[in-house]
Amino acid sequence: MVKLPDDRAKVIAAYLGKNFPERADRPKTVVVPGDLKINIREWVAPTLGSRPHDPQAAPDGTIYWAGMWGNVIGHVDPKTNAIKDIRFRRRAPVRTA
């Protein structure tokens, strides 16, 4: 995290509150007091340079992502570490906006 000057923090907080309001269909954000231990795991995408983004957790605990520059959908099973790319037959255009 970055400590912002108070005047900038207020501007950014107002922007985020206006443009990303709380949603009734999502759990409320909570602050966890004290220290918190977390574990972050990373995997190497099978198609190097595919620029994986937008990970989505599936109901079974596996994770899918879009490999924007590799024309693939990636899939990993964190329980087994099995990882694969699902390739598209033809290249789709890349949207930039």
PDB file of N, CA and C in Angstrom:
ATOM      1  N   MET A   1       0.840  -1.171   0.000  1.00  0.00           N
ATOM      2  CA  MET A   1       0.000   0.000   0.000  1.00  0.00           C
ATOM      3  C   MET A   1       0.887   1.236   0.000  1.00  0.00           C
ATOM      4  N   VAL A   2       0.330   2.296  -0.497  1.00  0.00           N
ATOM      5  CA  VAL A   2       1.035   3.565  -0.564  1.00  0.00           C
ATOM      6  C   VAL A   2       0.292   4.566   0.309  1.00  0.00           C
ATOM      7  N   LYS A   3       1.017   5.293   1.125  1.00  0.00           N
ATOM      8  CA  LYS A   3       0.415   6.340   1.945  1.00  0.00           C
ATOM      9  C   LYS A   3       0.260   7.580   1.077  1.00  0.00           C
ATOM     10  N   LEU A   4      -0.991   7.970   0.842  1.00  0.00           N
ATOM     11  CA  LEU A   4      -1.268   9.153   0.032  1.00  0.00           C
ATOM     12  C   LEU A   4      -1.439  10.365   0.930  1.00  0.00           C
ATOM     13  N   PRO A   5      -1.128  11.545   0.420  1.00  0.00           N
ATOM     14  CA  PRO A   5      -1.450  12.750   1.179  1.00  0.00           C
ATOM     15  C   PRO A   5      -2.963  12.794   1.413  1.00  0.00           C
ATOM     16  N   ASP A   6      -3.389  13.343   2.552  1.00  0.00           N
ATOM     17  CA  ASP A   6      -4.808  13.347   2.920  1.00  0.00           C
ATOM     18  C   ASP A   6      -5.704  13.923   1.834  1.00  0.00           C
ATOM     19  N   ASP A   7      -5.277  15.035   1.195  1.00  0.00           N
ATOM     20  CA  ASP A   7      -6.133  15.640   0.177  1.00  0.00           C
ATOM     21  C   ASP A   7      -6.329  14.710  -1.024  1.00  0.00           C
ATOM     22  N   ARG A   8      -5.301  13.967  -1.407  1.00  0.00           N
ATOM     23  CA  ARG A   8      -5.406  13.018  -2.529  1.00  0.00           C
ATOM     24  C   ARG A   8      -6.234  11.802  -2.130  1.00  0.00           C
ATOM     25  N   ALA A   9      -6.047  11.342  -0.897  1.00  0.00           N
ATOM     26  CA  ALA A   9      -6.808  10.179  -0.421  1.00  0.00           C
ATOM     27  C   ALA A   9      -8.295  10.480  -0.432  1.00  0.00           C
ATOM     28  N   LYS A  10      -8.687  11.687  -0.057  1.00  0.00           N
ATOM     29  CA  LYS A  10     -10.107  12.063  -0.052  1.00  0.00           C
ATOM     30  C   LYS A  10     -10.672  12.080  -1.464  1.00  0.00           C
ATOM     31  N   VAL A  11      -9.913  12.606  -2.413  1.00  0.00           N
ATOM     32  CA  VAL A  11     -10.365  12.643  -3.809  1.00  0.00           C
ATOM     33  C   VAL A  11     -10.543  11.228  -4.343  1.00  0.00           C
ATOM     34  N   ILE A  12      -9.574  10.375  -4.089  1.00  0.00           N
ATOM     35  CA  ILE A  12      -9.631   8.998  -4.581  1.00  0.00           C
ATOM     36  C   ILE A  12     -10.758   8.229  -3.898  1.00  0.00           C
ATOM     37  N   ALA A  13     -10.931   8.405  -2.589  1.00  0.00           N
ATOM     38  CA  ALA A  13     -12.012   7.725  -1.872  1.00  0.00           C
ATOM     39  C   ALA A  13     -13.376   8.153  -2.413  1.00  0.00           C
ATOM     40  N   ALA A  14     -13.538   9.437  -2.698  1.00  0.00           N
ATOM     41  CA  ALA A  14     -14.807   9.927  -3.252  1.00  0.00           C
ATOM     42  C   ALA A  14     -15.063   9.319  -4.628  1.00  0.00           C
ATOM     43  N   TYR A  15     -14.025   9.261  -5.458  1.00  0.00           N
ATOM     44  CA  TYR A  15     -14.163   8.667  -6.792  1.00  0.00           C
ATOM     45  C   TYR A  15     -14.561   7.189  -6.695  1.00  0.00           C
ATOM     46  N   LEU A  16     -13.857   6.435  -5.865  1.00  0.00           N
ATOM     47  CA  LEU A  16     -14.149   5.002  -5.732  1.00  0.00           C
ATOM     48  C   LEU A  16     -15.550   4.779  -5.171  1.00  0.00           C
ATOM     49  N   GLY A  17     -15.944   5.580  -4.171  1.00  0.00           N
ATOM     50  CA  GLY A  17     -17.276   5.442  -3.597  1.00  0.00           C
ATOM     51  C   GLY A  17     -18.376   5.729  -4.602  1.00  0.00           C
ATOM     52  N   LYS A  18     -18.152   6.704  -5.471  1.00  0.00           N
ATOM     53  CA  LYS A  18     -19.153   7.061  -6.485  1.00  0.00           C
ATOM     54  C   LYS A  18     -19.220   6.025  -7.610  1.00  0.00           C
ATOM     55  N   ASN A  19     -18.070   5.593  -8.097  1.00  0.00           N
ATOM     56  CA  ASN A  19     -18.019   4.740  -9.286  1.00  0.00           C
ATOM     57  C   ASN A  19     -18.042   3.245  -8.993  1.00  0.00           C
ATOM     58  N   PHE A  20     -17.761   2.855  -7.754  1.00  0.00           N
ATOM     59  CA  PHE A  20     -17.769   1.442  -7.384  1.00  0.00           C
ATOM     60  C   PHE A  20     -18.517   1.272  -6.058  1.00  0.00           C
ATOM     61  N   PRO A  21     -19.831   1.559  -6.051  1.00  0.00           N
ATOM     62  CA  PRO A  21     -20.588   1.481  -4.795  1.00  0.00           C
ATOM     63  C   PRO A  21     -20.727   0.037  -4.323  1.00  0.00           C
ATOM     64  N   GLU A  22     -21.077  -0.100  -3.025  1.00  0.00           N
ATOM     65  CA  GLU A  22     -21.339  -1.431  -2.487  1.00  0.00           C
ATOM     66  C   GLU A  22     -22.503  -2.049  -3.244  1.00  0.00           C
ATOM     67  N   ARG A  23     -22.469  -3.362  -3.367  1.00  0.00           N
ATOM     68  CA  ARG A  23     -23.547  -4.083  -4.057  1.00  0.00           C
ATOM     69  C   ARG A  23     -24.188  -5.053  -3.080  1.00  0.00           C
ATOM     70  N   ALA A  24     -25.510  -5.109  -3.128  1.00  0.00           N
ATOM     71  CA  ALA A  24     -26.255  -5.978  -2.209  1.00  0.00           C
ATOM     72  C   ALA A  24     -25.945  -7.454  -2.436  1.00  0.00           C
ATOM     73  N   ASP A  25     -25.537  -7.825  -3.659  1.00  0.00           N
ATOM     74  CA  ASP A  25     -25.277  -9.229  -3.969  1.00  0.00           C
ATOM     75  C   ASP A  25     -23.852  -9.664  -3.611  1.00  0.00           C
ATOM     76  N   ARG A  26     -23.075  -8.789  -2.985  1.00  0.00           N
ATOM     77  CA  ARG A  26     -21.703  -9.122  -2.593  1.00  0.00           C
ATOM     78  C   ARG A  26     -21.531  -8.935  -1.092  1.00  0.00           C
ATOM     79  N   PRO A  27     -20.673  -9.735  -0.478  1.00  0.00           N
ATOM     80  CA  PRO A  27     -20.435  -9.552   0.963  1.00  0.00           C
ATOM     81  C   PRO A  27     -19.816  -8.180   1.242  1.00  0.00           C
ATOM     82  N   LYS A  28     -20.117  -7.644   2.389  1.00  0.00           N
ATOM     83  CA  LYS A  28     -19.543  -6.360   2.783  1.00  0.00           C
ATOM     84  C   LYS A  28     -18.056  -6.528   3.097  1.00  0.00           C
ATOM     85  N   THR A  29     -17.300  -5.498   2.812  1.00  0.00           N
ATOM     86  CA  THR A  29     -15.878  -5.481   3.131  1.00  0.00           C
ATOM     87  C   THR A  29     -15.705  -5.330   4.637  1.00  0.00           C
ATOM     88  N   VAL A  30     -14.775  -6.071   5.180  1.00  0.00           N
ATOM     89  CA  VAL A  30     -14.489  -5.967   6.612  1.00  0.00           C
ATOM     90  C   VAL A  30     -12.987  -5.763   6.809  1.00  0.00           C
ATOM     91  N   VAL A  31     -12.638  -5.064   7.855  1.00  0.00           N
ATOM     92  CA  VAL A  31     -11.240  -4.891   8.219  1.00  0.00           C
ATOM     93  C   VAL A  31     -10.922  -5.936   9.274  1.00  0.00           C
ATOM     94  N   VAL A  32      -9.889  -6.723   9.024  1.00  0.00           N
ATOM     95  CA  VAL A  32      -9.479  -7.755   9.963  1.00  0.00           C
ATOM     96  C   VAL A  32      -8.426  -7.149  10.883  1.00  0.00           C
ATOM     97  N   PRO A  33      -8.693  -7.092  12.181  1.00  0.00           N
ATOM     98  CA  PRO A  33      -7.721  -6.473  13.082  1.00  0.00           C
ATOM     99  C   PRO A  33      -6.487  -7.352  13.273  1.00  0.00           C
ATOM    100  N   GLY A  34      -5.366  -6.703  13.487  1.00  0.00           N
ATOM    101  CA  GLY A  34      -4.137  -7.433  13.780  1.00  0.00           C
ATOM    102  C   GLY A  34      -3.447  -7.960  12.542  1.00  0.00           C
ATOM    103  N   ASP A  35      -2.427  -8.783  12.780  1.00  0.00           N
ATOM    104  CA  ASP A  35      -1.660  -9.373  11.691  1.00  0.00           C
ATOM    105  C   ASP A  35      -2.467 -10.465  11.012  1.00  0.00           C
ATOM    106  N   LEU A  36      -2.216 -10.662   9.739  1.00  0.00           N
ATOM    107  CA  LEU A  36      -2.919 -11.665   8.963  1.00  0.00           C
ATOM    108  C   LEU A  36      -1.900 -12.426   8.127  1.00  0.00           C
ATOM    109  N   LYS A  37      -1.936 -13.744   8.179  1.00  0.00           N
ATOM    110  CA  LYS A  37      -1.046 -14.566   7.360  1.00  0.00           C
ATOM    111  C   LYS A  37      -1.821 -15.052   6.151  1.00  0.00           C
ATOM    112  N   ILE A  38      -1.221 -14.915   4.983  1.00  0.00           N
ATOM    113  CA  ILE A  38      -1.833 -15.417   3.759  1.00  0.00           C
ATOM    114  C   ILE A  38      -0.801 -16.220   2.981  1.00  0.00           C
ATOM    115  N   ASN A  39      -1.279 -17.043   2.076  1.00  0.00           N
ATOM    116  CA  ASN A  39      -0.416 -17.845   1.227  1.00  0.00           C
ATOM    117  C   ASN A  39      -0.801 -17.561  -0.216  1.00  0.00           C
ATOM    118  N   ILE A  40       0.148 -17.085  -1.002  1.00  0.00           N
ATOM    119  CA  ILE A  40      -0.099 -16.804  -2.417  1.00  0.00           C
ATOM    120  C   ILE A  40       0.656 -17.846  -3.239  1.00  0.00           C
ATOM    121  N   ARG A  41      -0.077 -18.518  -4.116  1.00  0.00           N
ATOM    122  CA  ARG A  41       0.548 -19.509  -5.005  1.00  0.00           C
ATOM    123  C   ARG A  41       0.510 -18.977  -6.426  1.00  0.00           C
ATOM    124  N   GLU A  42       1.569 -19.243  -7.159  1.00  0.00           N
ATOM    125  CA  GLU A  42       1.649 -18.827  -8.552  1.00  0.00           C
ATOM    126  C   GLU A  42       1.981 -20.029  -9.419  1.00  0.00           C
ATOM    127  N   TRP A  43       1.496 -20.000 -10.646  1.00  0.00           N
ATOM    128  CA  TRP A  43       1.789 -21.033 -11.634  1.00  0.00           C
ATOM    129  C   TRP A  43       2.297 -20.348 -12.894  1.00  0.00           C
ATOM    130  N   VAL A  44       3.128 -21.038 -13.644  1.00  0.00           N
ATOM    131  CA  VAL A  44       3.602 -20.522 -14.930  1.00  0.00           C
ATOM    132  C   VAL A  44       2.618 -20.974 -16.000  1.00  0.00           C
ATOM    133  N   ALA A  45       2.098 -20.021 -16.763  1.00  0.00           N
ATOM    134  CA  ALA A  45       1.151 -20.346 -17.823  1.00  0.00           C
ATOM    135  C   ALA A  45       1.850 -21.171 -18.895  1.00  0.00           C
ATOM    136  N   PRO A  46       1.187 -22.213 -19.414  1.00  0.00           N
ATOM    137  CA  PRO A  46       1.817 -23.065 -20.423  1.00  0.00           C
ATOM    138  C   PRO A  46       2.206 -22.316 -21.698  1.00  0.00           C
ATOM    139  N   THR A  47       1.407 -21.342 -22.101  1.00  0.00           N
ATOM    140  CA  THR A  47       1.719 -20.569 -23.300  1.00  0.00           C
ATOM    141  C   THR A  47       2.408 -19.290 -22.860  1.00  0.00           C
ATOM    142  N   LEU A  48       3.743 -19.287 -22.924  1.00  0.00           N
ATOM    143  CA  LEU A  48       4.489 -18.117 -22.497  1.00  0.00           C
ATOM    144  C   LEU A  48       4.152 -16.926 -23.380  1.00  0.00           C
ATOM    145  N   GLY A  49       4.028 -15.754 -22.761  1.00  0.00           N
ATOM    146  CA  GLY A  49       3.690 -14.551 -23.507  1.00  0.00           C
ATOM    147  C   GLY A  49       2.201 -14.386 -23.761  1.00  0.00           C
ATOM    148  N   SER A  50       1.365 -15.264 -23.213  1.00  0.00           N
ATOM    149  CA  SER A  50      -0.077 -15.180 -23.468  1.00  0.00           C
ATOM    150  C   SER A  50      -0.753 -14.075 -22.664  1.00  0.00           C
ATOM    151  N   ARG A  51      -0.054 -13.530 -21.700  1.00  0.00           N
ATOM    152  CA  ARG A  51      -0.563 -12.462 -20.838  1.00  0.00           C
ATOM    153  C   ARG A  51      -1.854 -12.850 -20.132  1.00  0.00           C
ATOM    154  N   PRO A  52      -1.775 -13.828 -19.251  1.00  0.00           N
ATOM    155  CA  PRO A  52      -2.970 -14.270 -18.526  1.00  0.00           C
ATOM    156  C   PRO A  52      -3.570 -13.137 -17.703  1.00  0.00           C
ATOM    157  N   HIS A  53      -4.890 -13.035 -17.738  1.00  0.00           N
ATOM    158  CA  HIS A  53      -5.574 -12.025 -16.932  1.00  0.00           C
ATOM    159  C   HIS A  53      -6.993 -12.478 -16.633  1.00  0.00           C
ATOM    160  N   ASP A  54      -7.670 -11.741 -15.776  1.00  0.00           N
ATOM    161  CA  ASP A  54      -9.062 -11.988 -15.383  1.00  0.00           C
ATOM    162  C   ASP A  54      -9.301 -13.397 -14.852  1.00  0.00           C
ATOM    163  N   PRO A  55      -8.558 -13.820 -13.814  1.00  0.00           N
ATOM    164  CA  PRO A  55      -8.804 -15.158 -13.268  1.00  0.00           C
ATOM    165  C   PRO A  55     -10.213 -15.268 -12.701  1.00  0.00           C
ATOM    166  N   GLN A  56     -10.793 -16.431 -12.832  1.00  0.00           N
ATOM    167  CA  GLN A  56     -12.151 -16.685 -12.339  1.00  0.00           C
ATOM    168  C   GLN A  56     -12.162 -18.038 -11.640  1.00  0.00           C
ATOM    169  N   ALA A  57     -12.551 -18.042 -10.378  1.00  0.00           N
ATOM    170  CA  ALA A  57     -12.645 -19.296  -9.630  1.00  0.00           C
ATOM    171  C   ALA A  57     -13.931 -20.017 -10.010  1.00  0.00           C
ATOM    172  N   ALA A  58     -13.824 -21.289 -10.318  1.00  0.00           N
ATOM    173  CA  ALA A  58     -14.985 -22.117 -10.640  1.00  0.00           C
ATOM    174  C   ALA A  58     -15.545 -22.723  -9.349  1.00  0.00           C
ATOM    175  N   PRO A  59     -16.802 -23.165  -9.358  1.00  0.00           N
ATOM    176  CA  PRO A  59     -17.398 -23.749  -8.154  1.00  0.00           C
ATOM    177  C   PRO A  59     -16.612 -24.935  -7.584  1.00  0.00           C
ATOM    178  N   ASP A  60     -15.885 -25.656  -8.439  1.00  0.00           N
ATOM    179  CA  ASP A  60     -15.123 -26.819  -7.957  1.00  0.00           C
ATOM    180  C   ASP A  60     -13.747 -26.450  -7.399  1.00  0.00           C
ATOM    181  N   GLY A  61     -13.423 -25.146  -7.347  1.00  0.00           N
ATOM    182  CA  GLY A  61     -12.150 -24.707  -6.794  1.00  0.00           C
ATOM    183  C   GLY A  61     -11.047 -24.542  -7.826  1.00  0.00           C
ATOM    184  N   THR A  62     -11.290 -24.926  -9.071  1.00  0.00           N
ATOM    185  CA  THR A  62     -10.288 -24.713 -10.108  1.00  0.00           C
ATOM    186  C   THR A  62     -10.366 -23.262 -10.578  1.00  0.00           C
ATOM    187  N   ILE A  63      -9.365 -22.836 -11.333  1.00  0.00           N
ATOM    188  CA  ILE A  63      -9.276 -21.447 -11.768  1.00  0.00           C
ATOM    189  C   ILE A  63      -9.111 -21.401 -13.282  1.00  0.00           C
ATOM    190  N   TYR A  64      -9.902 -20.542 -13.912  1.00  0.00           N
ATOM    191  CA  TYR A  64      -9.794 -20.271 -15.347  1.00  0.00           C
ATOM    192  C   TYR A  64      -9.272 -18.857 -15.532  1.00  0.00           C
ATOM    193  N   TRP A  65      -8.587 -18.595 -16.645  1.00  0.00           N
ATOM    194  CA  TRP A  65      -8.161 -17.244 -16.989  1.00  0.00           C
ATOM    195  C   TRP A  65      -8.125 -17.097 -18.492  1.00  0.00           C
ATOM    196  N   ALA A  66      -8.090 -15.850 -18.940  1.00  0.00           N
ATOM    197  CA  ALA A  66      -7.988 -15.548 -20.367  1.00  0.00           C
ATOM    198  C   ALA A  66      -6.531 -15.284 -20.706  1.00  0.00           C
ATOM    199  N   GLY A  67      -6.019 -15.980 -21.715  1.00  0.00           N
ATOM    200  CA  GLY A  67      -4.665 -15.744 -22.222  1.00  0.00           C
ATOM    201  C   GLY A  67      -4.770 -14.854 -23.446  1.00  0.00           C
ATOM    202  N   MET A  68      -4.856 -13.548 -23.204  1.00  0.00           N
ATOM    203  CA  MET A  68      -5.204 -12.573 -24.227  1.00  0.00           C
ATOM    204  C   MET A  68      -4.330 -12.656 -25.476  1.00  0.00           C
ATOM    205  N   TRP A  69      -3.024 -12.748 -25.322  1.00  0.00           N
ATOM    206  CA  TRP A  69      -2.143 -12.738 -26.489  1.00  0.00           C
ATOM    207  C   TRP A  69      -1.829 -14.135 -27.011  1.00  0.00           C
ATOM    208  N   GLY A  70      -2.289 -15.159 -26.326  1.00  0.00           N
ATOM    209  CA  GLY A  70      -2.030 -16.516 -26.784  1.00  0.00           C
ATOM    210  C   GLY A  70      -3.247 -17.180 -27.392  1.00  0.00           C
ATOM    211  N   ASN A  71      -4.396 -16.444 -27.392  1.00  0.00           N
ATOM    212  CA  ASN A  71      -5.634 -16.982 -27.938  1.00  0.00           C
ATOM    213  C   ASN A  71      -6.023 -18.288 -27.233  1.00  0.00           C
ATOM    214  N   VAL A  72      -5.930 -18.264 -25.900  1.00  0.00           N
ATOM    215  CA  VAL A  72      -6.214 -19.446 -25.099  1.00  0.00           C
ATOM    216  C   VAL A  72      -7.056 -19.082 -23.876  1.00  0.00           C
ATOM    217  N   ILE A  73      -7.713 -20.074 -23.333  1.00  0.00           N
ATOM    218  CA  ILE A  73      -8.297 -20.011 -21.995  1.00  0.00           C
ATOM    219  C   ILE A  73      -7.467 -20.974 -21.162  1.00  0.00           C
ATOM    220  N   GLY A  74      -6.936 -20.487 -20.052  1.00  0.00           N
ATOM    221  CA  GLY A  74      -6.119 -21.338 -19.195  1.00  0.00           C
ATOM    222  C   GLY A  74      -6.946 -21.956 -18.082  1.00  0.00           C
ATOM    223  N   HIS A  75      -6.475 -23.064 -17.554  1.00  0.00           N
ATOM    224  CA  HIS A  75      -7.172 -23.768 -16.474  1.00  0.00           C
ATOM    225  C   HIS A  75      -6.142 -24.419 -15.564  1.00  0.00           C
ATOM    226  N   VAL A  76      -6.308 -24.204 -14.249  1.00  0.00           N
ATOM    227  CA  VAL A  76      -5.419 -24.835 -13.275  1.00  0.00           C
ATOM    228  C   VAL A  76      -6.266 -25.412 -12.144  1.00  0.00           C
ATOM    229  N   ASP A  77      -5.839 -26.581 -11.682  1.00  0.00           N
ATOM    230  CA  ASP A  77      -6.458 -27.205 -10.515  1.00  0.00           C
ATOM    231  C   ASP A  77      -5.473 -27.067  -9.356  1.00  0.00           C
ATOM    232  N   PRO A  78      -5.740 -26.147  -8.411  1.00  0.00           N
ATOM    233  CA  PRO A  78      -4.795 -25.941  -7.314  1.00  0.00           C
ATOM    234  C   PRO A  78      -4.576 -27.171  -6.435  1.00  0.00           C
ATOM    235  N   LYS A  79      -5.518 -28.111  -6.433  1.00  0.00           N
ATOM    236  CA  LYS A  79      -5.353 -29.320  -5.608  1.00  0.00           C
ATOM    237  C   LYS A  79      -4.300 -30.251  -6.189  1.00  0.00           C
ATOM    238  N   THR A  80      -4.238 -30.341  -7.521  1.00  0.00           N
ATOM    239  CA  THR A  80      -3.312 -31.269  -8.169  1.00  0.00           C
ATOM    240  C   THR A  80      -2.170 -30.556  -8.891  1.00  0.00           C
ATOM    241  N   ASN A  81      -2.267 -29.231  -9.034  1.00  0.00           N
ATOM    242  CA  ASN A  81      -1.333 -28.418  -9.817  1.00  0.00           C
ATOM    243  C   ASN A  81      -1.374 -28.739 -11.307  1.00  0.00           C
ATOM    244  N   ALA A  82      -2.404 -29.465 -11.763  1.00  0.00           N
ATOM    245  CA  ALA A  82      -2.562 -29.720 -13.194  1.00  0.00           C
ATOM    246  C   ALA A  82      -2.933 -28.404 -13.868  1.00  0.00           C
ATOM    247  N   ILE A  83      -2.218 -28.079 -14.936  1.00  0.00           N
ATOM    248  CA  ILE A  83      -2.439 -26.815 -15.629  1.00  0.00           C
ATOM    249  C   ILE A  83      -2.447 -27.056 -17.127  1.00  0.00           C
ATOM    250  N   LYS A  84      -3.350 -26.374 -17.841  1.00  0.00           N
ATOM    251  CA  LYS A  84      -3.404 -26.554 -19.298  1.00  0.00           C
ATOM    252  C   LYS A  84      -3.993 -25.316 -19.942  1.00  0.00           C
ATOM    253  N   ASP A  85      -3.742 -25.170 -21.214  1.00  0.00           N
ATOM    254  CA  ASP A  85      -4.357 -24.139 -22.039  1.00  0.00           C
ATOM    255  C   ASP A  85      -5.352 -24.780 -22.977  1.00  0.00           C
ATOM    256  N   ILE A  86      -6.468 -24.137 -23.156  1.00  0.00           N
ATOM    257  CA  ILE A  86      -7.475 -24.576 -24.121  1.00  0.00           C
ATOM    258  C   ILE A  86      -7.372 -23.605 -25.287  1.00  0.00           C
ATOM    259  N   ARG A  87      -6.892 -24.102 -26.412  1.00  0.00           N
ATOM    260  CA  ARG A  87      -6.629 -23.237 -27.571  1.00  0.00           C
ATOM    261  C   ARG A  87      -7.875 -23.049 -28.431  1.00  0.00           C
ATOM    262  N   PHE A  88      -7.974 -21.861 -29.014  1.00  0.00           N
ATOM    263  CA  PHE A  88      -9.024 -21.576 -29.987  1.00  0.00           C
ATOM    264  C   PHE A  88      -8.513 -21.949 -31.370  1.00  0.00           C
ATOM    265  N   ARG A  89      -9.412 -22.351 -32.239  1.00  0.00           N
ATOM    266  CA  ARG A  89      -8.992 -22.769 -33.584  1.00  0.00           C
ATOM    267  C   ARG A  89      -8.475 -21.611 -34.419  1.00  0.00           C
ATOM    268  N   ARG A  90      -9.098 -20.457 -34.285  1.00  0.00           N
ATOM    269  CA  ARG A  90      -8.611 -19.314 -35.050  1.00  0.00           C
ATOM    270  C   ARG A  90      -8.445 -18.126 -34.121  1.00  0.00           C
ATOM    271  N   ARG A  91      -7.594 -17.245 -34.529  1.00  0.00           N
ATOM    272  CA  ARG A  91      -7.231 -16.100 -33.704  1.00  0.00           C
ATOM    273  C   ARG A  91      -8.369 -15.069 -33.682  1.00  0.00           C
ATOM    274  N   ALA A  92      -8.743 -14.669 -32.490  1.00  0.00           N
ATOM    275  CA  ALA A  92      -9.760 -13.635 -32.329  1.00  0.00           C
ATOM    276  C   ALA A  92      -9.086 -12.272 -32.288  1.00  0.00           C
ATOM    277  N   PRO A  93      -9.775 -11.217 -32.753  1.00  0.00           N
ATOM    278  CA  PRO A  93      -9.169  -9.890 -32.668  1.00  0.00           C
ATOM    279  C   PRO A  93      -9.031  -9.444 -31.235  1.00  0.00           C
ATOM    280  N   VAL A  94      -7.994  -8.690 -30.954  1.00  0.00           N
ATOM    281  CA  VAL A  94      -7.758  -8.184 -29.582  1.00  0.00           C
ATOM    282  C   VAL A  94      -8.413  -6.823 -29.456  1.00  0.00           C
ATOM    283  N   ARG A  95      -9.257  -6.698 -28.453  1.00  0.00           N
ATOM    284  CA  ARG A  95      -9.877  -5.392 -28.177  1.00  0.00           C
ATOM    285  C   ARG A  95      -8.953  -4.577 -27.288  1.00  0.00           C
ATOM    286  N   THR A  96      -8.818  -3.326 -27.574  1.00  0.00           N
ATOM    287  CA  THR A  96      -7.959  -2.469 -26.762  1.00  0.00           C
ATOM    288  C   THR A  96      -8.755  -1.419 -25.997  1.00  0.00           C
ATOM    289  N   ALA A  97     -10.053  -1.374 -26.196  1.00  0.00           N
ATOM    290  CA  ALA A  97     -10.860  -0.364 -25.484  1.00  0.00           C
ATOM    291  C   ALA A  97     -11.982  -1.024 -24.727  1.00  0.00           C
TER     292      ALA A  97
END
